[in-house]
């Protein structure tokens, strides 16, 4: 009998501090109209200085476990996707495991920037389908506010903090139907944080740097390609899916991707206006929102997609 991994619970968490475009406009040479016209973003949530990615992950994980009707001790694998870990080490996943009160199961981070959740979901799915584990917690958690130059209008308006989580469980019914992940390190220069710590000092830059137009063109191309690739694995067409949930980076990227795939805009889940770009947290946050408000329902086919620095990208086709 074929073993599948199914999403049985979702959760999301956003820090309490809500920052509107108008508030940013007081400090930057920008305006609400300028930001919304170019990005679709209206607001973002910013973590308290005392909150780390593991704290945001904990809140999202608790909600996901509750919705799955499971306890932390039921989880056999923990994967956290983050580019903004609490520490160099131990991993954010190990910190999350301790805060959840779960012991013994493997816990590790993956770093694929905005594609991290799609990578994590793919890895967890392989573990479950192989029969090694029967359940997994996959979390995307970020505090990108820590690596943003808040004097740089071109990047400061784009990002926010948050966490999203899903619980996977082995099942005889189809769940994660297919996945693809890719990377191209030759494109690392167009989106990066080119710094590191050496001898207690920051070497290079600790702030996010991005070539906006290059990222846009690359993102739209690979999102279309990965979407078609994962659908082809299942013998499906874009018209067969019920919902498209792309990485929530910029509404223009979402619209262009849907157009190239031939998917009606009404089938695209959009949360970037509410959350801004939360990197690895954006896809699970959007999925959780769409489940909670009743749009995404049991039996529907959902295409999850992401693209991020590295460059990394991928897609997962899920039957809910």
Protein backbone atom coordinates (compact mmCIF):
# COMPACT_ATOMS: atom_id res chain seq x y z
CA UNK A 1 0.00 0.00 0.00
CA UNK A 2 1.32 3.45 -0.96
CA UNK A 3 2.09 5.80 1.93
CA UNK A 4 1.41 9.49 1.41
CA UNK A 5 2.04 12.49 3.64
CA UNK A 6 -0.98 14.67 4.29
CA UNK A 7 -1.28 18.13 5.81
CA UNK A 8 -3.46 17.60 8.90
CA UNK A 9 -2.90 20.90 10.67
CA UNK A 10 -1.75 24.46 9.95
CA UNK A 11 -0.83 27.44 12.07
CA UNK A 12 0.41 30.99 11.70
CA UNK A 13 1.73 33.73 13.94
CA UNK A 14 2.42 37.41 13.36
CA UNK A 15 4.07 39.71 15.93
CA UNK A 16 1.82 42.25 17.59
CA UNK A 17 3.71 45.31 16.33
CA UNK A 18 1.91 46.36 13.13
CA UNK A 19 3.73 48.92 10.95
CA UNK A 20 1.76 50.66 8.21
CA UNK A 21 3.09 52.26 5.06
CA UNK A 22 2.20 55.65 6.52
CA UNK A 23 4.49 55.02 9.49
CA UNK A 24 7.38 54.10 7.20
CA UNK A 25 6.72 57.20 5.10
CA UNK A 26 7.47 59.35 8.14
CA UNK A 27 11.06 58.04 8.16
CA UNK A 28 11.69 57.33 4.48
CA UNK A 29 11.31 59.24 1.21
CA UNK A 30 8.22 57.26 0.23
CA UNK A 31 4.44 57.16 0.53
CA UNK A 32 1.63 54.67 1.03
CA UNK A 33 0.58 55.20 -2.60
CA UNK A 34 4.13 54.56 -3.90
CA UNK A 35 4.55 51.35 -1.89
CA UNK A 36 1.11 49.94 -2.75
CA UNK A 37 1.45 50.74 -6.46
CA UNK A 38 4.79 48.96 -6.79
CA UNK A 39 4.39 46.08 -4.34
CA UNK A 40 0.77 45.69 -3.22
CA UNK A 41 1.95 45.92 0.41
CA UNK A 42 -0.09 47.94 2.92
CA UNK A 43 1.46 46.84 6.21
CA UNK A 44 3.88 44.45 7.89
CA UNK A 45 4.42 42.96 11.37
CA UNK A 46 7.72 43.55 13.17
CA UNK A 47 8.96 41.33 15.99
CA UNK A 48 9.83 42.71 19.40
CA UNK A 49 13.62 42.85 19.97
CA UNK A 50 13.22 40.07 22.55
CA UNK A 51 11.47 37.75 20.05
CA UNK A 52 13.59 35.36 18.00
CA UNK A 53 12.57 33.14 15.11
CA UNK A 54 12.14 30.24 17.55
CA UNK A 55 9.59 32.26 19.54
CA UNK A 56 7.54 33.00 16.43
CA UNK A 57 7.89 29.37 15.34
CA UNK A 58 6.65 28.18 18.73
CA UNK A 59 3.38 30.11 18.46
CA UNK A 60 2.71 28.92 14.90
CA UNK A 61 3.62 25.32 15.81
CA UNK A 62 1.28 25.26 18.81
CA UNK A 63 -1.63 26.38 16.64
CA UNK A 64 -0.78 23.82 13.95
CA UNK A 65 -0.57 21.01 16.51
CA UNK A 66 -3.88 22.04 18.04
CA UNK A 67 -5.60 22.06 14.65
CA UNK A 68 -4.13 18.60 13.96
CA UNK A 69 -5.38 17.30 17.31
CA UNK A 70 -1.83 16.26 18.21
CA UNK A 71 0.65 16.84 21.02
CA UNK A 72 4.28 17.85 20.56
CA UNK A 73 5.30 14.39 21.76
CA UNK A 74 3.46 12.91 18.75
CA UNK A 75 5.87 14.60 16.31
CA UNK A 76 8.68 12.42 14.95
CA UNK A 77 10.55 15.05 12.90
CA UNK A 78 10.97 18.84 13.17
CA UNK A 79 12.23 20.98 10.28
CA UNK A 80 12.54 24.76 10.53
CA UNK A 81 13.17 26.86 7.44
CA UNK A 82 14.80 30.17 8.35
CA UNK A 83 17.41 32.64 7.15
CA UNK A 84 17.30 34.50 10.45
CA UNK A 85 18.09 31.90 13.13
CA UNK A 86 18.26 32.81 16.79
CA UNK A 87 21.95 31.86 16.90
CA UNK A 88 24.69 30.56 14.63
CA UNK A 89 24.07 27.36 16.58
CA UNK A 90 22.26 25.53 18.09
CA UNK A 91 19.65 25.35 15.34
CA UNK A 92 16.34 27.14 15.64
CA UNK A 93 14.69 23.72 15.25
CA UNK A 94 16.43 22.43 18.38
CA UNK A 95 15.37 25.54 20.29
CA UNK A 96 11.81 25.06 19.06
CA UNK A 97 11.87 21.39 20.05
CA UNK A 98 12.87 22.34 23.61
CA UNK A 99 10.21 25.07 23.86
CA UNK A 100 7.56 22.63 22.67
CA UNK A 101 8.67 20.10 25.27
CA UNK A 102 9.41 17.44 22.67
CA UNK A 103 12.55 15.35 23.08
CA UNK A 104 14.44 12.79 21.05
CA UNK A 105 13.14 13.32 17.53
CA UNK A 106 15.47 14.73 14.87
CA UNK A 107 15.31 18.52 14.56
CA UNK A 108 17.23 20.64 12.07
CA UNK A 109 17.18 23.90 10.13
CA UNK A 110 17.32 24.35 6.39
CA UNK A 111 18.45 27.55 4.70
CA UNK A 112 16.94 28.16 1.27
CA UNK A 113 15.75 31.71 2.06
CA UNK A 114 12.22 32.32 0.71
CA UNK A 115 12.06 28.80 -0.76
CA UNK A 116 12.87 27.26 2.62
CA UNK A 117 9.36 26.09 3.45
CA UNK A 118 8.92 24.39 0.07
CA UNK A 119 12.30 22.70 0.55
CA UNK A 120 11.33 21.66 4.09
CA UNK A 121 7.97 20.29 3.00
CA UNK A 122 9.70 18.29 0.26
CA UNK A 123 12.23 16.81 2.69
CA UNK A 124 9.60 15.89 5.28
CA UNK A 125 7.45 14.29 2.59
CA UNK A 126 10.32 12.03 1.50
CA UNK A 127 10.95 10.91 5.09
CA UNK A 128 7.29 10.05 5.60
CA UNK A 129 6.80 8.34 2.25
CA UNK A 130 9.90 6.23 2.88
CA UNK A 131 8.26 4.92 6.05
CA UNK A 132 10.99 6.23 8.38
CA UNK A 133 8.67 8.65 10.18
CA UNK A 134 4.90 8.86 10.54
CA UNK A 135 4.61 12.57 11.36
CA UNK A 136 6.50 15.82 10.91
CA UNK A 137 6.31 19.48 11.90
CA UNK A 138 7.54 21.87 9.21
CA UNK A 139 7.88 25.55 10.10
CA UNK A 140 8.93 28.67 8.23
CA UNK A 141 9.97 31.42 10.67
CA UNK A 142 11.70 34.73 10.02
CA UNK A 143 12.68 38.01 11.66
CA UNK A 144 13.84 39.73 8.48
CA UNK A 145 13.51 43.09 10.22
CA UNK A 146 16.92 42.31 11.79
CA UNK A 147 18.73 42.23 8.42
CA UNK A 148 17.00 45.19 6.75
CA UNK A 149 18.63 48.60 6.32
CA UNK A 150 15.71 50.74 7.45
CA UNK A 151 17.18 53.75 5.64
CA UNK A 152 17.01 51.96 2.26
CA UNK A 153 13.62 52.67 0.69
CA UNK A 154 14.04 49.99 -1.97
CA UNK A 155 14.17 47.14 0.56
CA UNK A 156 12.81 48.47 3.88
CA UNK A 157 9.22 48.60 2.61
CA UNK A 158 9.21 44.99 1.35
CA UNK A 159 9.68 42.74 4.37
CA UNK A 160 8.01 41.68 7.59
CA UNK A 161 8.34 39.08 10.35
CA UNK A 162 6.22 36.02 11.03
CA UNK A 163 5.96 32.24 11.17
CA UNK A 164 3.81 29.57 9.55
CA UNK A 165 3.66 25.86 10.31
CA UNK A 166 2.13 22.64 9.06
CA UNK A 167 1.81 19.19 10.57
CA UNK A 168 2.25 16.26 8.19
CA UNK A 169 1.03 12.76 8.90
CA UNK A 170 1.33 9.46 7.05
CA UNK A 171 -1.88 8.43 5.30
CA UNK A 172 -3.18 5.99 2.71
CA UNK A 173 -4.94 8.84 0.87
CA UNK A 174 -3.03 11.21 -1.47
CA UNK A 175 -1.75 14.40 0.14
CA UNK A 176 1.53 15.83 -1.15
CA UNK A 177 1.22 14.64 -4.74
CA UNK A 178 4.50 15.88 -6.21
CA UNK A 179 7.32 18.34 -5.58
CA UNK A 180 10.31 19.90 -7.33
CA UNK A 181 13.18 21.97 -5.94
CA UNK A 182 16.01 23.71 -7.78
CA UNK A 183 18.91 26.10 -7.22
CA UNK A 184 21.30 28.21 -9.28
CA UNK A 185 24.19 29.58 -7.24
CA UNK A 186 25.43 31.67 -10.17
CA UNK A 187 22.54 34.07 -9.42
CA UNK A 188 23.53 34.62 -5.79
CA UNK A 189 24.60 38.21 -6.38
CA UNK A 190 21.17 39.61 -7.22
CA UNK A 191 19.72 38.91 -3.75
CA UNK A 192 21.94 38.39 -0.73
CA UNK A 193 23.13 39.44 2.70
CA UNK A 194 26.86 39.42 1.88
CA UNK A 195 28.28 39.46 5.39
CA UNK A 196 29.57 37.14 8.09
CA UNK A 197 31.10 37.25 11.55
CA UNK A 198 34.85 36.82 11.97
CA UNK A 199 36.73 37.42 15.20
CA UNK A 200 33.70 39.10 16.73
CA UNK A 201 33.35 41.59 13.88
CA UNK A 202 30.95 41.80 10.92
CA UNK A 203 32.84 41.25 7.68
CA UNK A 204 31.02 42.61 4.63
CA UNK A 205 27.44 43.88 4.91
CA UNK A 206 24.87 42.58 7.43
CA UNK A 207 21.99 44.04 5.38
CA UNK A 208 19.87 42.57 2.61
CA UNK A 209 20.83 43.73 -0.88
CA UNK A 210 18.72 43.21 -3.97
CA UNK A 211 18.64 44.00 -7.69
CA UNK A 212 14.88 44.37 -8.00
CA UNK A 213 14.40 44.09 -11.75
CA UNK A 214 16.71 41.09 -12.06
CA UNK A 215 14.93 39.32 -9.20
CA UNK A 216 11.53 40.02 -10.75
CA UNK A 217 12.43 38.58 -14.14
CA UNK A 218 14.14 35.52 -12.66
CA UNK A 219 11.32 34.86 -10.19
CA UNK A 220 8.49 34.97 -12.72
CA UNK A 221 10.34 32.65 -15.12
CA UNK A 222 11.23 29.96 -12.59
CA UNK A 223 7.84 30.08 -10.85
CA UNK A 224 6.15 29.32 -14.16
CA UNK A 225 8.66 26.58 -14.99
CA UNK A 226 8.45 24.87 -11.60
CA UNK A 227 4.67 25.08 -11.59
CA UNK A 228 4.42 23.36 -14.95
CA UNK A 229 7.07 20.83 -13.94
CA UNK A 230 5.28 19.67 -10.80
CA UNK A 231 1.90 19.54 -12.55
CA UNK A 232 3.41 17.45 -15.37
CA UNK A 233 4.57 14.89 -12.79
CA UNK A 234 0.88 14.29 -12.02
CA UNK A 235 -0.38 14.55 -15.58
CA UNK A 236 -2.27 17.73 -14.74
CA UNK A 237 -2.72 21.17 -16.29
CA UNK A 238 -2.84 24.54 -14.51
CA UNK A 239 -6.61 24.55 -15.04
CA UNK A 240 -6.84 21.45 -12.80
CA UNK A 241 -5.74 23.22 -9.63
CA UNK A 242 -8.15 24.96 -7.28
CA UNK A 243 -5.70 27.43 -5.70
CA UNK A 244 -2.28 28.88 -6.39
CA UNK A 245 -0.28 29.99 -3.34
CA UNK A 246 2.98 31.59 -4.50
CA UNK A 247 5.66 33.12 -2.31
CA UNK A 248 4.27 36.44 -1.15
CA UNK A 249 7.02 38.82 -2.26
CA UNK A 250 5.34 41.34 -4.53
CA UNK A 251 1.82 41.44 -5.97
CA UNK A 252 3.27 42.05 -9.43
CA UNK A 253 5.19 38.77 -9.27
CA UNK A 254 2.02 36.96 -8.16
CA UNK A 255 -0.01 38.46 -11.00
CA UNK A 256 2.64 37.79 -13.63
CA UNK A 257 3.09 34.17 -12.50
CA UNK A 258 -0.65 33.49 -12.62
CA UNK A 259 -0.89 35.06 -16.07
CA UNK A 260 1.98 32.97 -17.47
CA UNK A 261 0.45 29.80 -16.03
CA UNK A 262 -2.98 30.74 -17.40
CA UNK A 263 -4.54 30.71 -13.91
CA UNK A 264 -7.41 33.08 -13.18
CA UNK A 265 -6.41 35.78 -10.63
CA UNK A 266 -9.40 34.76 -8.49
CA UNK A 267 -7.62 31.45 -7.78
CA UNK A 268 -4.49 33.15 -6.39
CA UNK A 269 -4.18 33.47 -2.60
CA UNK A 270 -2.74 36.90 -1.78
CA UNK A 271 -1.58 37.93 1.69
CA UNK A 272 1.38 40.15 0.78
CA UNK A 273 -0.81 43.21 1.35
CA UNK A 274 -1.27 42.19 5.00
CA UNK A 275 2.08 40.59 5.86
CA UNK A 276 4.62 41.90 3.29
CA UNK A 277 7.40 39.46 2.38
CA UNK A 278 8.00 37.13 5.34
CA UNK A 279 10.48 34.96 3.40
CA UNK A 280 10.23 31.27 4.43
CA UNK A 281 7.11 32.03 6.47
CA UNK A 282 5.10 33.50 3.59
CA UNK A 283 3.75 30.31 1.96
CA UNK A 284 2.63 28.56 5.18
CA UNK A 285 1.15 31.83 6.49
CA UNK A 286 -0.85 32.27 3.27
CA UNK A 287 -1.97 28.63 3.34
CA UNK A 288 -3.08 28.93 6.95
CA UNK A 289 -5.02 32.13 6.21
CA UNK A 290 -6.82 30.54 3.26
CA UNK A 291 -7.76 27.46 5.30
CA UNK A 292 -8.97 29.53 8.26
CA UNK A 293 -11.18 31.76 6.11
CA UNK A 294 -12.70 28.77 4.33
CA UNK A 295 -11.33 29.25 0.83
CA UNK A 296 -9.06 26.19 0.84
CA UNK A 297 -11.12 23.10 1.62
CA UNK A 298 -10.65 19.35 1.91
CA UNK A 299 -10.18 17.58 -1.42
CA UNK A 300 -8.96 20.66 -3.27
CA UNK A 301 -5.68 20.76 -5.18
CA UNK A 302 -3.32 23.55 -4.11
CA UNK A 303 -0.08 24.55 -5.83
CA UNK A 304 2.49 25.98 -3.42
CA UNK A 305 5.46 27.83 -4.95
CA UNK A 306 8.46 29.80 -3.77
CA UNK A 307 11.60 31.48 -5.04
CA UNK A 308 14.38 33.05 -2.99
CA UNK A 309 18.00 34.06 -2.72
CA UNK A 310 20.56 31.49 -3.63
CA UNK A 311 18.94 31.42 -6.07
CA UNK A 312 16.49 28.71 -4.97
CA UNK A 313 13.02 27.81 -6.15
CA UNK A 314 10.49 25.01 -6.08
CA UNK A 315 6.86 23.90 -6.07
CA UNK A 316 4.68 21.40 -4.24
CA UNK A 317 1.29 20.14 -5.40
CA UNK A 318 -0.95 19.28 -2.46
CA UNK A 319 -4.35 17.64 -2.26
CA UNK A 320 -5.94 18.89 0.93
